[in-house]
């Protein structure tokens, strides 16, 4: 499974379990799945940096995973982790749900 395939699979699973996610963005990387999920009901962050949660690979998801949740008002306003690039490098994933 490629990183992109895993990103799409993870995004679809997350959208299926949390219907209030309005958008999901993938920040391409060769070894790690990096997603930002926009969630309307999320409280605003006090920090200026996107808080990211890291997950270890699993049998059906072999790549390291990192997910940041962001309120729509803070989308593109928080600083991404340095290795992720800029907000413009993110690709919106079209996920049914």
Protein backbone atom coordinates (compact mmCIF):
# COMPACT_ATOMS: atom_id res chain seq x y z
CA UNK A 1 0.00 0.00 0.00
CA UNK A 2 1.36 3.42 -0.93
CA UNK A 3 1.34 6.36 1.46
CA UNK A 4 -1.33 8.05 -0.68
CA UNK A 5 -3.55 4.95 -0.67
CA UNK A 6 -3.23 4.70 3.09
CA UNK A 7 -3.99 8.41 3.49
CA UNK A 8 -7.21 8.03 1.51
CA UNK A 9 -8.19 4.89 3.42
CA UNK A 10 -7.54 6.52 6.80
CA UNK A 11 -9.40 9.68 5.77
CA UNK A 12 -12.41 7.63 4.66
CA UNK A 13 -12.44 5.69 7.93
CA UNK A 14 -12.18 8.87 9.99
CA UNK A 15 -14.97 10.57 8.02
CA UNK A 16 -17.18 7.48 8.43
CA UNK A 17 -16.74 7.53 12.21
CA UNK A 18 -16.91 11.34 12.62
CA UNK A 19 -19.53 12.85 10.33
CA UNK A 20 -18.79 16.39 11.56
CA UNK A 21 -15.44 16.45 9.75
CA UNK A 22 -16.02 18.98 6.97
CA UNK A 23 -12.71 18.65 5.08
CA UNK A 24 -9.59 16.49 5.13
CA UNK A 25 -6.21 17.53 3.72
CA UNK A 26 -3.27 15.28 2.97
CA UNK A 27 0.28 16.61 3.15
CA UNK A 28 2.28 14.27 0.89
CA UNK A 29 5.36 12.53 2.23
CA UNK A 30 7.19 9.40 1.10
CA UNK A 31 7.11 7.60 4.46
CA UNK A 32 4.39 9.11 6.66
CA UNK A 33 0.66 9.76 6.29
CA UNK A 34 -0.01 13.39 7.30
CA UNK A 35 -3.62 14.51 7.55
CA UNK A 36 -5.34 17.67 8.76
CA UNK A 37 -9.02 17.24 9.52
CA UNK A 38 -11.28 20.28 9.79
CA UNK A 39 -13.84 19.69 12.52
CA UNK A 40 -16.55 22.26 13.22
CA UNK A 41 -17.19 21.21 16.83
CA UNK A 42 -13.56 21.36 17.87
CA UNK A 43 -12.64 24.08 20.38
CA UNK A 44 -10.21 26.74 19.25
CA UNK A 45 -6.57 25.98 20.07
CA UNK A 46 -4.66 28.29 22.40
CA UNK A 47 -1.40 27.56 20.62
CA UNK A 48 -0.28 29.02 17.28
CA UNK A 49 0.94 25.59 16.18
CA UNK A 50 -1.16 22.72 14.91
CA UNK A 51 -1.27 19.98 17.52
CA UNK A 52 -0.58 16.63 15.86
CA UNK A 53 -1.19 13.13 17.18
CA UNK A 54 1.11 10.37 15.90
CA UNK A 55 0.05 6.76 15.43
CA UNK A 56 2.27 3.74 14.87
CA UNK A 57 1.86 1.56 11.79
CA UNK A 58 -0.63 -1.29 11.96
CA UNK A 59 -0.88 -4.49 9.89
CA UNK A 60 -3.40 -2.96 7.47
CA UNK A 61 -1.80 0.51 7.62
CA UNK A 62 1.96 0.04 7.29
CA UNK A 63 3.06 3.70 7.33
CA UNK A 64 3.47 5.99 10.35
CA UNK A 65 0.41 8.26 10.69
CA UNK A 66 0.04 11.84 11.93
CA UNK A 67 -3.28 13.64 12.29
CA UNK A 68 -4.00 17.23 13.25
CA UNK A 69 -7.50 18.46 14.03
CA UNK A 70 -8.36 22.07 13.43
CA UNK A 71 -11.38 24.34 13.87
CA UNK A 72 -12.44 26.03 10.59
CA UNK A 73 -11.56 29.50 11.94
CA UNK A 74 -7.99 28.37 12.55
CA UNK A 75 -7.58 26.50 9.26
CA UNK A 76 -4.49 27.78 7.43
CA UNK A 77 -3.73 30.08 10.38
CA UNK A 78 -1.88 27.64 12.62
CA UNK A 79 1.75 26.79 11.99
CA UNK A 80 2.23 23.30 10.59
CA UNK A 81 4.99 20.98 11.82
CA UNK A 82 8.18 22.08 10.06
CA UNK A 83 8.63 18.95 7.91
CA UNK A 84 5.06 19.21 6.53
CA UNK A 85 5.74 22.23 4.35
CA UNK A 86 3.12 24.95 3.98
CA UNK A 87 -0.66 24.93 3.88
CA UNK A 88 -0.43 25.25 0.12
CA UNK A 89 1.24 21.82 -0.15
CA UNK A 90 -1.86 20.17 1.32
CA UNK A 91 -4.19 18.36 -1.03
CA UNK A 92 -7.88 18.25 -0.23
CA UNK A 93 -9.17 14.69 -0.23
CA UNK A 94 -12.67 14.19 -1.60
CA UNK A 95 -14.25 11.78 0.87
CA UNK A 96 -17.86 10.68 0.60
CA UNK A 97 -19.86 10.81 3.77
